[in-house]
């Protein structure tokens, strides 16, 4: 990240943004960052013990020019069924987040605390996704079942099929064979 130009209103906020992105990367979050650090895509795993456990979502983060004084904009790129996340746009209900945001928070707080808490404690009484909220209010079990169904449809990690593994092993063996043939002493005739 050397020589990154940060598009912010002050040098102080540019240093802060750079530090916060580096902390997020150091915390082990798989992250794709644009050149000026204002747009990120971060991989978020569902918290253990929740209906979201086992899922992996890509979350888009847009940093405002006023960061860290203003909260980043958070959007799920991977579809998720949650009362406080719009199913079509992925926007997260930010009322509580924006009110609670403080310049002392950083991106690690967003991904280690805020989003996991949102997934652990959906609020059907302040919904962005009215359908999910309605299901949740009617039956917790039905809501968990629907979340599981959507998780399997959209948020499971991509695992190579056995066929792909066999093909890869064959390819490796054939390249090893070719390499061993090239290195054989039989060519000294």
N, C-alpha and C. Protein backbone atom coordinates (compact mmCIF):
# COMPACT_ATOMS: atom_id res chain seq x y z
N UNK A 1 0.81 -1.19 0.00
CA UNK A 1 0.00 0.00 0.00
C UNK A 1 0.85 1.26 0.00
N UNK A 2 2.08 1.18 -0.35
CA UNK A 2 2.96 2.33 -0.40
C UNK A 2 2.50 3.29 -1.48
N UNK A 3 2.68 4.54 -1.25
CA UNK A 3 2.34 5.60 -2.19
C UNK A 3 0.87 5.59 -2.59
N UNK A 4 -0.02 5.25 -1.66
CA UNK A 4 -1.45 5.27 -1.94
C UNK A 4 -1.95 6.69 -1.74
N UNK A 5 -2.70 7.19 -2.70
CA UNK A 5 -3.29 8.51 -2.59
C UNK A 5 -4.67 8.34 -1.99
N UNK A 6 -4.92 9.01 -0.88
CA UNK A 6 -6.19 8.90 -0.20
C UNK A 6 -6.99 10.16 -0.45
N UNK A 7 -8.19 9.99 -0.98
CA UNK A 7 -9.05 11.11 -1.32
C UNK A 7 -9.88 11.51 -0.09
N UNK A 8 -9.31 12.33 0.76
CA UNK A 8 -10.01 12.81 1.94
C UNK A 8 -9.78 14.30 2.08
N UNK A 9 -10.50 14.91 3.01
CA UNK A 9 -10.41 16.35 3.14
C UNK A 9 -9.18 16.82 3.92
N UNK A 10 -8.57 15.95 4.72
CA UNK A 10 -7.39 16.37 5.46
C UNK A 10 -6.36 15.26 5.49
N UNK A 11 -5.09 15.63 5.64
CA UNK A 11 -4.04 14.60 5.74
C UNK A 11 -4.25 13.69 6.95
N UNK A 12 -4.79 14.24 8.03
CA UNK A 12 -5.03 13.45 9.23
C UNK A 12 -6.02 12.32 8.96
N UNK A 13 -7.12 12.62 8.27
CA UNK A 13 -8.10 11.58 7.99
C UNK A 13 -7.55 10.56 7.01
N UNK A 14 -6.64 10.98 6.11
CA UNK A 14 -6.00 10.04 5.19
C UNK A 14 -5.12 9.05 5.92
N UNK A 15 -4.36 9.55 6.89
CA UNK A 15 -3.53 8.65 7.71
C UNK A 15 -4.39 7.71 8.53
N UNK A 16 -5.47 8.22 9.07
CA UNK A 16 -6.37 7.40 9.89
C UNK A 16 -6.99 6.29 9.04
N UNK A 17 -7.45 6.63 7.85
CA UNK A 17 -8.05 5.64 6.97
C UNK A 17 -7.04 4.57 6.60
N UNK A 18 -5.83 4.98 6.26
CA UNK A 18 -4.78 4.02 5.93
C UNK A 18 -4.50 3.09 7.11
N UNK A 19 -4.39 3.66 8.31
CA UNK A 19 -4.16 2.85 9.51
C UNK A 19 -5.30 1.86 9.74
N UNK A 20 -6.56 2.32 9.57
CA UNK A 20 -7.71 1.46 9.83
C UNK A 20 -7.80 0.32 8.81
N UNK A 21 -7.49 0.60 7.56
CA UNK A 21 -7.49 -0.46 6.54
C UNK A 21 -6.39 -1.47 6.85
N UNK A 22 -5.22 -0.99 7.24
CA UNK A 22 -4.12 -1.89 7.61
C UNK A 22 -4.48 -2.74 8.82
N UNK A 23 -5.17 -2.18 9.79
CA UNK A 23 -5.61 -2.95 10.97
C UNK A 23 -6.60 -4.03 10.55
N UNK A 24 -7.50 -3.72 9.62
CA UNK A 24 -8.48 -4.70 9.15
C UNK A 24 -7.76 -5.87 8.47
N UNK A 25 -6.78 -5.55 7.64
CA UNK A 25 -5.99 -6.59 6.97
C UNK A 25 -5.20 -7.41 7.99
N UNK A 26 -4.60 -6.75 8.97
CA UNK A 26 -3.82 -7.44 10.00
C UNK A 26 -4.71 -8.34 10.86
N UNK A 27 -5.98 -8.00 10.99
CA UNK A 27 -6.91 -8.80 11.78
C UNK A 27 -7.32 -10.08 11.03
N UNK A 28 -6.87 -10.21 9.77
CA UNK A 28 -7.11 -11.42 9.02
C UNK A 28 -8.34 -11.41 8.13
N UNK A 29 -8.97 -10.28 7.97
CA UNK A 29 -10.14 -10.22 7.09
C UNK A 29 -9.68 -10.17 5.64
N UNK A 30 -10.24 -11.06 4.83
CA UNK A 30 -9.93 -11.05 3.40
C UNK A 30 -10.57 -9.80 2.82
N UNK A 31 -9.76 -8.94 2.25
CA UNK A 31 -10.22 -7.62 1.85
C UNK A 31 -9.64 -7.24 0.50
N UNK A 32 -10.48 -6.67 -0.33
CA UNK A 32 -10.04 -6.07 -1.59
C UNK A 32 -10.22 -4.57 -1.42
N UNK A 33 -9.16 -3.81 -1.70
CA UNK A 33 -9.16 -2.38 -1.45
C UNK A 33 -8.86 -1.65 -2.75
N UNK A 34 -9.62 -0.58 -3.05
CA UNK A 34 -9.29 0.20 -4.24
C UNK A 34 -8.09 1.09 -3.95
N UNK A 35 -7.56 1.75 -4.97
CA UNK A 35 -6.32 2.51 -4.85
C UNK A 35 -6.36 3.62 -3.81
N UNK A 36 -7.51 4.28 -3.64
CA UNK A 36 -7.54 5.40 -2.69
C UNK A 36 -8.17 5.00 -1.34
N UNK A 37 -8.37 3.70 -1.13
CA UNK A 37 -8.87 3.14 0.13
C UNK A 37 -10.31 3.51 0.47
N UNK A 38 -11.04 4.13 -0.45
CA UNK A 38 -12.39 4.58 -0.12
C UNK A 38 -13.46 3.52 -0.38
N UNK A 39 -13.12 2.47 -1.11
CA UNK A 39 -14.06 1.38 -1.36
C UNK A 39 -13.36 0.07 -1.08
N UNK A 40 -14.00 -0.75 -0.26
CA UNK A 40 -13.43 -2.03 0.12
C UNK A 40 -14.49 -3.11 -0.06
N UNK A 41 -14.05 -4.32 -0.30
CA UNK A 41 -14.92 -5.49 -0.23
C UNK A 41 -14.28 -6.42 0.77
N UNK A 42 -15.05 -6.79 1.79
CA UNK A 42 -14.54 -7.57 2.90
C UNK A 42 -15.35 -8.85 3.02
N UNK A 43 -14.66 -9.95 3.25
CA UNK A 43 -15.32 -11.24 3.44
C UNK A 43 -15.73 -11.37 4.90
N UNK A 44 -17.01 -11.64 5.14
CA UNK A 44 -17.55 -11.77 6.49
C UNK A 44 -18.13 -13.17 6.66
N UNK A 45 -17.68 -13.87 7.70
CA UNK A 45 -18.21 -15.19 8.01
C UNK A 45 -19.32 -15.04 9.04
N UNK A 46 -20.38 -15.85 8.87
CA UNK A 46 -21.49 -15.82 9.81
C UNK A 46 -21.05 -16.23 11.21
N UNK A 47 -21.55 -15.54 12.24
CA UNK A 47 -21.14 -15.85 13.60
C UNK A 47 -21.59 -17.24 14.04
N UNK A 48 -20.73 -17.90 14.81
CA UNK A 48 -21.06 -19.22 15.33
C UNK A 48 -22.29 -19.13 16.24
N UNK A 49 -23.10 -20.19 16.20
CA UNK A 49 -24.27 -20.25 17.05
C UNK A 49 -25.47 -19.49 16.53
N UNK A 50 -25.38 -18.96 15.30
CA UNK A 50 -26.50 -18.23 14.70
C UNK A 50 -26.98 -18.98 13.47
N UNK A 51 -28.12 -18.57 12.96
CA UNK A 51 -28.62 -19.15 11.71
C UNK A 51 -27.68 -18.84 10.55
N UNK A 52 -26.81 -17.87 10.71
CA UNK A 52 -25.89 -17.44 9.65
C UNK A 52 -24.55 -18.19 9.69
N UNK A 53 -24.35 -19.04 10.69
CA UNK A 53 -23.10 -19.80 10.83
C UNK A 53 -22.86 -20.63 9.58
N UNK A 54 -21.63 -20.62 9.10
CA UNK A 54 -21.26 -21.38 7.91
C UNK A 54 -21.36 -20.58 6.62
N UNK A 55 -22.01 -19.43 6.68
CA UNK A 55 -22.14 -18.59 5.49
C UNK A 55 -20.97 -17.64 5.37
N UNK A 56 -20.68 -17.25 4.14
CA UNK A 56 -19.63 -16.28 3.87
C UNK A 56 -20.22 -15.23 2.93
N UNK A 57 -20.16 -13.98 3.37
CA UNK A 57 -20.73 -12.88 2.60
C UNK A 57 -19.65 -11.89 2.21
N UNK A 58 -19.82 -11.31 1.05
CA UNK A 58 -18.98 -10.20 0.64
C UNK A 58 -19.72 -8.93 1.03
N UNK A 59 -19.03 -8.06 1.76
CA UNK A 59 -19.62 -6.82 2.25
C UNK A 59 -18.84 -5.66 1.63
N UNK A 60 -19.57 -4.76 1.02
CA UNK A 60 -18.98 -3.57 0.42
C UNK A 60 -18.97 -2.44 1.46
N UNK A 61 -17.84 -1.75 1.56
CA UNK A 61 -17.71 -0.63 2.49
C UNK A 61 -17.29 0.59 1.69
N UNK A 62 -18.06 1.65 1.81
CA UNK A 62 -17.73 2.91 1.16
C UNK A 62 -17.41 3.92 2.26
N UNK A 63 -16.22 4.47 2.18
CA UNK A 63 -15.76 5.40 3.20
C UNK A 63 -16.14 6.83 2.82
N UNK A 64 -16.81 7.55 3.72
CA UNK A 64 -17.14 8.95 3.41
C UNK A 64 -15.90 9.84 3.53
N UNK A 65 -15.91 10.99 2.90
CA UNK A 65 -14.79 11.92 3.00
C UNK A 65 -14.56 12.37 4.43
N UNK A 66 -15.62 12.36 5.23
CA UNK A 66 -15.53 12.83 6.61
C UNK A 66 -15.10 11.73 7.58
N UNK A 67 -14.71 10.56 7.07
CA UNK A 67 -14.28 9.47 7.95
C UNK A 67 -13.06 9.92 8.75
N UNK A 68 -12.98 9.66 10.00
CA UNK A 68 -13.79 8.80 10.86
C UNK A 68 -14.93 9.51 11.58
N UNK A 69 -15.14 10.79 11.26
CA UNK A 69 -16.24 11.50 11.93
C UNK A 69 -17.60 10.97 11.49
N UNK A 70 -17.70 10.51 10.25
CA UNK A 70 -18.94 9.90 9.75
C UNK A 70 -18.71 8.41 9.55
N UNK A 71 -19.75 7.63 9.79
CA UNK A 71 -19.68 6.17 9.65
C UNK A 71 -19.57 5.76 8.18
N UNK A 72 -18.88 4.65 7.92
CA UNK A 72 -18.83 4.13 6.55
C UNK A 72 -20.20 3.60 6.14
N UNK A 73 -20.42 3.51 4.83
CA UNK A 73 -21.66 2.95 4.29
C UNK A 73 -21.41 1.46 4.06
N UNK A 74 -22.29 0.62 4.60
CA UNK A 74 -22.12 -0.83 4.57
C UNK A 74 -23.23 -1.43 3.70
N UNK A 75 -22.82 -2.35 2.80
CA UNK A 75 -23.79 -3.01 1.92
C UNK A 75 -23.34 -4.45 1.70
N UNK A 76 -24.27 -5.40 1.89
CA UNK A 76 -23.98 -6.81 1.59
C UNK A 76 -24.09 -7.01 0.09
N UNK A 77 -23.01 -7.45 -0.54
CA UNK A 77 -23.01 -7.77 -1.97
C UNK A 77 -23.66 -9.13 -2.16
N UNK A 78 -23.33 -10.07 -1.28
CA UNK A 78 -23.93 -11.41 -1.30
C UNK A 78 -25.30 -11.29 -0.65
N UNK A 79 -26.30 -11.87 -1.30
CA UNK A 79 -27.66 -11.78 -0.75
C UNK A 79 -27.74 -12.45 0.61
N UNK A 80 -28.56 -11.83 1.48
CA UNK A 80 -28.74 -12.33 2.83
C UNK A 80 -30.18 -12.04 3.27
N UNK A 81 -30.78 -12.99 3.97
CA UNK A 81 -32.13 -12.80 4.51
C UNK A 81 -31.99 -12.34 5.95
N UNK A 82 -32.36 -11.08 6.18
CA UNK A 82 -32.24 -10.48 7.51
C UNK A 82 -33.21 -9.31 7.56
N UNK A 83 -33.94 -9.15 8.67
CA UNK A 83 -34.91 -8.05 8.73
C UNK A 83 -34.31 -6.66 8.58
N UNK A 84 -33.04 -6.49 8.95
CA UNK A 84 -32.43 -5.16 8.95
C UNK A 84 -31.46 -4.94 7.79
N UNK A 85 -31.54 -5.83 6.79
CA UNK A 85 -30.72 -5.71 5.59
C UNK A 85 -31.64 -5.85 4.38
N UNK A 86 -31.62 -4.86 3.50
CA UNK A 86 -32.48 -4.91 2.32
C UNK A 86 -32.02 -6.06 1.42
N UNK A 87 -32.94 -6.94 1.07
CA UNK A 87 -32.59 -8.13 0.30
C UNK A 87 -32.08 -7.78 -1.09
N UNK A 88 -32.66 -6.79 -1.74
CA UNK A 88 -32.29 -6.46 -3.12
C UNK A 88 -31.03 -5.60 -3.22
N UNK A 89 -30.88 -4.63 -2.34
CA UNK A 89 -29.73 -3.73 -2.44
C UNK A 89 -28.59 -4.12 -1.50
N UNK A 90 -28.91 -4.88 -0.45
CA UNK A 90 -27.91 -5.26 0.53
C UNK A 90 -27.59 -4.18 1.54
N UNK A 91 -28.27 -3.04 1.45
CA UNK A 91 -28.01 -1.96 2.40
C UNK A 91 -28.39 -2.39 3.81
N UNK A 92 -27.56 -1.99 4.76
CA UNK A 92 -27.77 -2.32 6.16
C UNK A 92 -28.50 -1.16 6.82
N UNK A 93 -29.50 -1.48 7.64
CA UNK A 93 -30.22 -0.45 8.40
C UNK A 93 -29.21 0.24 9.29
N UNK A 94 -28.96 1.48 9.02
CA UNK A 94 -27.87 2.17 9.68
C UNK A 94 -28.31 3.10 10.80
N UNK A 95 -29.62 3.13 11.12
CA UNK A 95 -30.07 4.07 12.16
C UNK A 95 -29.27 3.93 13.44
N UNK A 96 -29.22 2.74 13.99
CA UNK A 96 -28.52 2.51 15.25
C UNK A 96 -27.02 2.70 15.05
N UNK A 97 -26.49 2.17 13.95
CA UNK A 97 -25.06 2.24 13.67
C UNK A 97 -24.61 3.70 13.58
N UNK A 98 -25.33 4.52 12.82
CA UNK A 98 -24.94 5.92 12.65
C UNK A 98 -25.04 6.68 13.97
N UNK A 99 -26.09 6.37 14.76
CA UNK A 99 -26.25 7.06 16.05
C UNK A 99 -25.15 6.66 17.03
N UNK A 100 -24.75 5.39 17.00
CA UNK A 100 -23.74 4.89 17.93
C UNK A 100 -22.31 5.16 17.44
N UNK A 101 -22.14 5.51 16.16
CA UNK A 101 -20.81 5.68 15.59
C UNK A 101 -20.05 6.78 16.32
N UNK A 102 -18.79 6.52 16.53
CA UNK A 102 -17.89 7.48 17.14
C UNK A 102 -16.58 7.41 16.38
N UNK A 103 -15.85 8.52 16.36
CA UNK A 103 -14.56 8.55 15.66
C UNK A 103 -13.56 7.60 16.31
N UNK A 104 -13.86 7.09 17.50
CA UNK A 104 -12.96 6.13 18.14
C UNK A 104 -13.13 4.73 17.56
N UNK A 105 -14.23 4.48 16.85
CA UNK A 105 -14.43 3.18 16.19
C UNK A 105 -13.61 3.12 14.91
N UNK A 106 -13.38 1.89 14.43
CA UNK A 106 -12.69 1.72 13.16
C UNK A 106 -13.30 0.54 12.41
N UNK A 107 -12.69 0.17 11.30
CA UNK A 107 -13.23 -0.90 10.46
C UNK A 107 -13.22 -2.25 11.17
N UNK A 108 -12.24 -2.49 12.01
CA UNK A 108 -12.20 -3.75 12.76
C UNK A 108 -13.44 -3.84 13.65
N UNK A 109 -13.83 -2.72 14.28
CA UNK A 109 -15.05 -2.73 15.10
C UNK A 109 -16.27 -3.10 14.28
N UNK A 110 -16.33 -2.60 13.05
CA UNK A 110 -17.47 -2.89 12.17
C UNK A 110 -17.57 -4.41 11.93
N UNK A 111 -16.42 -5.05 11.63
CA UNK A 111 -16.44 -6.46 11.24
C UNK A 111 -16.30 -7.44 12.39
N UNK A 112 -15.77 -6.99 13.51
CA UNK A 112 -15.66 -7.90 14.66
C UNK A 112 -16.81 -7.72 15.65
N UNK A 113 -17.46 -6.55 15.63
CA UNK A 113 -18.50 -6.29 16.62
C UNK A 113 -19.85 -5.97 15.99
N UNK A 114 -19.92 -4.87 15.23
CA UNK A 114 -21.21 -4.39 14.75
C UNK A 114 -21.94 -5.40 13.88
N UNK A 115 -21.32 -5.84 12.79
CA UNK A 115 -22.02 -6.77 11.89
C UNK A 115 -22.31 -8.12 12.54
N UNK A 116 -21.37 -8.72 13.30
CA UNK A 116 -21.72 -9.97 13.99
C UNK A 116 -22.91 -9.78 14.96
N UNK A 117 -22.95 -8.64 15.67
CA UNK A 117 -24.08 -8.39 16.58
C UNK A 117 -25.39 -8.24 15.81
N UNK A 118 -25.32 -7.60 14.66
CA UNK A 118 -26.50 -7.45 13.82
C UNK A 118 -27.02 -8.82 13.39
N UNK A 119 -26.11 -9.73 13.03
CA UNK A 119 -26.53 -11.06 12.62
C UNK A 119 -27.00 -11.90 13.81
N UNK A 120 -26.44 -11.68 14.98
CA UNK A 120 -26.86 -12.42 16.18
C UNK A 120 -28.22 -11.96 16.69
N UNK A 121 -28.52 -10.67 16.52
CA UNK A 121 -29.73 -10.10 17.11
C UNK A 121 -30.53 -9.30 16.09
N UNK A 122 -31.15 -9.99 15.12
CA UNK A 122 -31.98 -9.27 14.14
C UNK A 122 -33.14 -8.57 14.86
N UNK A 123 -33.51 -7.40 14.39
CA UNK A 123 -34.59 -6.64 15.00
C UNK A 123 -35.76 -6.55 14.03
N UNK A 124 -36.81 -7.38 14.23
CA UNK A 124 -37.95 -7.35 13.31
C UNK A 124 -38.84 -6.12 13.51
N UNK A 125 -38.55 -5.28 14.50
CA UNK A 125 -39.40 -4.11 14.77
C UNK A 125 -38.89 -2.83 14.10
N UNK A 126 -37.75 -2.90 13.43
CA UNK A 126 -37.20 -1.77 12.67
C UNK A 126 -36.65 -2.31 11.35
N UNK A 127 -37.56 -2.88 10.52
CA UNK A 127 -37.07 -3.62 9.35
C UNK A 127 -36.80 -2.78 8.11
N UNK A 128 -35.82 -3.26 7.33
CA UNK A 128 -35.65 -2.85 5.94
C UNK A 128 -36.26 -3.92 5.04
N UNK A 129 -36.22 -5.16 5.52
CA UNK A 129 -36.79 -6.29 4.80
C UNK A 129 -38.04 -6.73 5.57
N UNK A 130 -39.20 -6.20 5.15
CA UNK A 130 -40.46 -6.45 5.86
C UNK A 130 -40.87 -7.91 5.80
N UNK A 131 -40.56 -8.59 4.72
CA UNK A 131 -40.90 -10.01 4.59
C UNK A 131 -40.14 -10.83 5.63
N UNK A 132 -38.84 -10.59 5.76
CA UNK A 132 -38.03 -11.31 6.74
C UNK A 132 -38.51 -11.00 8.15
N UNK A 133 -38.85 -9.74 8.41
CA UNK A 133 -39.35 -9.35 9.73
C UNK A 133 -40.66 -10.04 10.05
N UNK A 134 -41.54 -10.12 9.08
CA UNK A 134 -42.83 -10.79 9.28
C UNK A 134 -42.64 -12.27 9.60
N UNK A 135 -41.78 -12.95 8.85
CA UNK A 135 -41.49 -14.37 9.09
C UNK A 135 -40.93 -14.53 10.50
N UNK A 136 -40.02 -13.66 10.89
CA UNK A 136 -39.38 -13.76 12.20
C UNK A 136 -40.39 -13.55 13.33
N UNK A 137 -41.30 -12.58 13.15
CA UNK A 137 -42.31 -12.32 14.18
C UNK A 137 -43.28 -13.49 14.32
N UNK A 138 -43.58 -14.17 13.20
CA UNK A 138 -44.51 -15.30 13.22
C UNK A 138 -43.89 -16.54 13.83
N UNK A 139 -42.64 -16.87 13.46
CA UNK A 139 -42.02 -18.11 13.91
C UNK A 139 -40.50 -18.01 13.82
N UNK A 140 -39.84 -18.07 14.97
CA UNK A 140 -38.37 -18.06 15.00
C UNK A 140 -37.81 -19.24 14.20
N UNK A 141 -38.43 -20.42 14.34
CA UNK A 141 -37.92 -21.60 13.64
C UNK A 141 -38.08 -21.47 12.14
N UNK A 142 -39.22 -20.96 11.69
CA UNK A 142 -39.41 -20.76 10.25
C UNK A 142 -38.39 -19.75 9.72
N UNK A 143 -38.12 -18.71 10.51
CA UNK A 143 -37.13 -17.71 10.11
C UNK A 143 -35.75 -18.37 9.97
N UNK A 144 -35.34 -19.18 10.96
CA UNK A 144 -34.05 -19.87 10.90
C UNK A 144 -33.98 -20.78 9.68
N UNK A 145 -35.09 -21.49 9.39
CA UNK A 145 -35.12 -22.38 8.22
C UNK A 145 -34.95 -21.59 6.92
N UNK A 146 -35.61 -20.45 6.83
CA UNK A 146 -35.50 -19.61 5.61
C UNK A 146 -34.07 -19.04 5.48
N UNK A 147 -33.51 -18.61 6.60
CA UNK A 147 -32.13 -18.10 6.58
C UNK A 147 -31.20 -19.20 6.08
N UNK A 148 -31.38 -20.42 6.59
CA UNK A 148 -30.55 -21.56 6.15
C UNK A 148 -30.70 -21.82 4.66
N UNK A 149 -31.92 -21.73 4.18
CA UNK A 149 -32.16 -21.96 2.76
C UNK A 149 -31.43 -20.90 1.91
N UNK A 150 -31.55 -19.62 2.30
CA UNK A 150 -30.89 -18.55 1.56
C UNK A 150 -29.37 -18.65 1.70
N UNK A 151 -28.90 -19.06 2.87
CA UNK A 151 -27.47 -19.26 3.07
C UNK A 151 -26.94 -20.30 2.09
N UNK A 152 -27.66 -21.42 1.97
CA UNK A 152 -27.22 -22.47 1.03
C UNK A 152 -27.27 -21.98 -0.41
N UNK A 153 -28.23 -21.12 -0.74
CA UNK A 153 -28.36 -20.62 -2.11
C UNK A 153 -27.28 -19.60 -2.47
N UNK A 154 -26.91 -18.75 -1.52
CA UNK A 154 -26.06 -17.61 -1.87
C UNK A 154 -24.72 -17.53 -1.14
N UNK A 155 -24.62 -18.05 0.08
CA UNK A 155 -23.48 -17.70 0.92
C UNK A 155 -22.59 -18.87 1.33
N UNK A 156 -22.70 -19.98 0.65
CA UNK A 156 -21.80 -21.08 0.98
C UNK A 156 -20.46 -20.87 0.28
N UNK A 157 -19.36 -21.24 0.96
CA UNK A 157 -18.06 -21.11 0.30
C UNK A 157 -17.99 -22.01 -0.92
N UNK A 158 -17.24 -21.59 -1.90
CA UNK A 158 -17.10 -22.39 -3.12
C UNK A 158 -16.04 -23.46 -2.85
N UNK A 159 -16.48 -24.70 -2.91
CA UNK A 159 -15.58 -25.83 -2.69
C UNK A 159 -15.46 -26.57 -4.02
N UNK A 160 -14.24 -26.83 -4.47
CA UNK A 160 -14.10 -27.54 -5.74
C UNK A 160 -14.76 -28.91 -5.66
N UNK A 161 -15.43 -29.28 -6.73
CA UNK A 161 -16.08 -30.59 -6.77
C UNK A 161 -15.01 -31.68 -6.84
N UNK A 162 -15.40 -32.92 -6.53
CA UNK A 162 -14.46 -34.04 -6.62
C UNK A 162 -13.92 -34.16 -8.03
N UNK A 163 -14.78 -33.90 -9.03
CA UNK A 163 -14.35 -33.97 -10.43
C UNK A 163 -13.23 -32.96 -10.69
N UNK A 164 -13.40 -31.73 -10.16
CA UNK A 164 -12.38 -30.71 -10.36
C UNK A 164 -11.08 -31.11 -9.66
N UNK A 165 -11.20 -31.72 -8.48
CA UNK A 165 -9.99 -32.17 -7.76
C UNK A 165 -9.27 -33.26 -8.55
N UNK A 166 -10.03 -34.21 -9.15
CA UNK A 166 -9.43 -35.29 -9.95
C UNK A 166 -8.72 -34.69 -11.14
N UNK A 167 -9.41 -33.73 -11.83
CA UNK A 167 -8.79 -33.08 -12.99
C UNK A 167 -7.50 -32.36 -12.59
N UNK A 168 -7.52 -31.69 -11.45
CA UNK A 168 -6.34 -30.96 -11.00
C UNK A 168 -5.20 -31.94 -10.68
N UNK A 169 -5.53 -33.06 -10.04
CA UNK A 169 -4.51 -34.06 -9.72
C UNK A 169 -3.94 -34.67 -11.00
N UNK A 170 -4.81 -34.94 -11.99
CA UNK A 170 -4.32 -35.48 -13.26
C UNK A 170 -3.39 -34.48 -13.94
N UNK A 171 -3.80 -33.22 -13.89
CA UNK A 171 -2.99 -32.17 -14.51
C UNK A 171 -1.63 -32.09 -13.81
N UNK A 172 -1.63 -32.17 -12.47
CA UNK A 172 -0.38 -32.12 -11.72
C UNK A 172 0.49 -33.32 -12.08
N UNK A 173 -0.12 -34.53 -12.11
CA UNK A 173 0.67 -35.72 -12.45
C UNK A 173 1.24 -35.63 -13.85
N UNK A 174 0.44 -35.13 -14.81
CA UNK A 174 0.95 -35.05 -16.18
C UNK A 174 2.06 -34.02 -16.28
N UNK A 175 1.96 -32.92 -15.53
CA UNK A 175 3.04 -31.94 -15.59
C UNK A 175 4.28 -32.48 -14.88
N UNK A 176 4.09 -33.25 -13.80
CA UNK A 176 5.23 -33.88 -13.13
C UNK A 176 5.90 -34.88 -14.05
N UNK A 177 5.09 -35.64 -14.78
CA UNK A 177 5.61 -36.64 -15.70
C UNK A 177 6.42 -35.95 -16.80
N UNK A 178 5.87 -34.90 -17.33
CA UNK A 178 6.57 -34.18 -18.39
C UNK A 178 7.89 -33.63 -17.88
N UNK A 179 7.88 -33.11 -16.68
CA UNK A 179 9.09 -32.58 -16.09
C UNK A 179 10.12 -33.68 -15.88
N UNK A 180 9.66 -34.85 -15.39
CA UNK A 180 10.60 -35.96 -15.15
C UNK A 180 11.15 -36.49 -16.48
N UNK A 181 10.31 -36.50 -17.50
CA UNK A 181 10.80 -36.94 -18.81
C UNK A 181 11.84 -35.97 -19.35
N UNK A 182 11.62 -34.68 -19.12
CA UNK A 182 12.58 -33.69 -19.59
C UNK A 182 13.90 -33.80 -18.87
N UNK A 183 13.88 -34.24 -17.64
CA UNK A 183 15.08 -34.33 -16.84
C UNK A 183 15.74 -35.69 -16.89
N UNK A 184 15.22 -36.62 -17.67
CA UNK A 184 15.77 -37.98 -17.70
C UNK A 184 17.11 -38.01 -18.40
N UNK A 185 17.94 -39.01 -18.06
CA UNK A 185 19.28 -39.18 -18.65
C UNK A 185 19.23 -39.94 -19.97
N UNK A 186 18.02 -40.37 -20.36
CA UNK A 186 17.89 -41.20 -21.58
C UNK A 186 18.17 -40.41 -22.84
N UNK A 187 18.21 -39.09 -22.73
CA UNK A 187 18.39 -38.26 -23.93
C UNK A 187 19.86 -38.15 -24.35
N UNK A 188 20.77 -38.85 -23.64
CA UNK A 188 22.20 -38.70 -23.93
C UNK A 188 22.68 -39.54 -25.10
N UNK A 189 21.81 -40.14 -25.85
CA UNK A 189 22.20 -41.04 -26.96
C UNK A 189 23.04 -40.37 -27.96
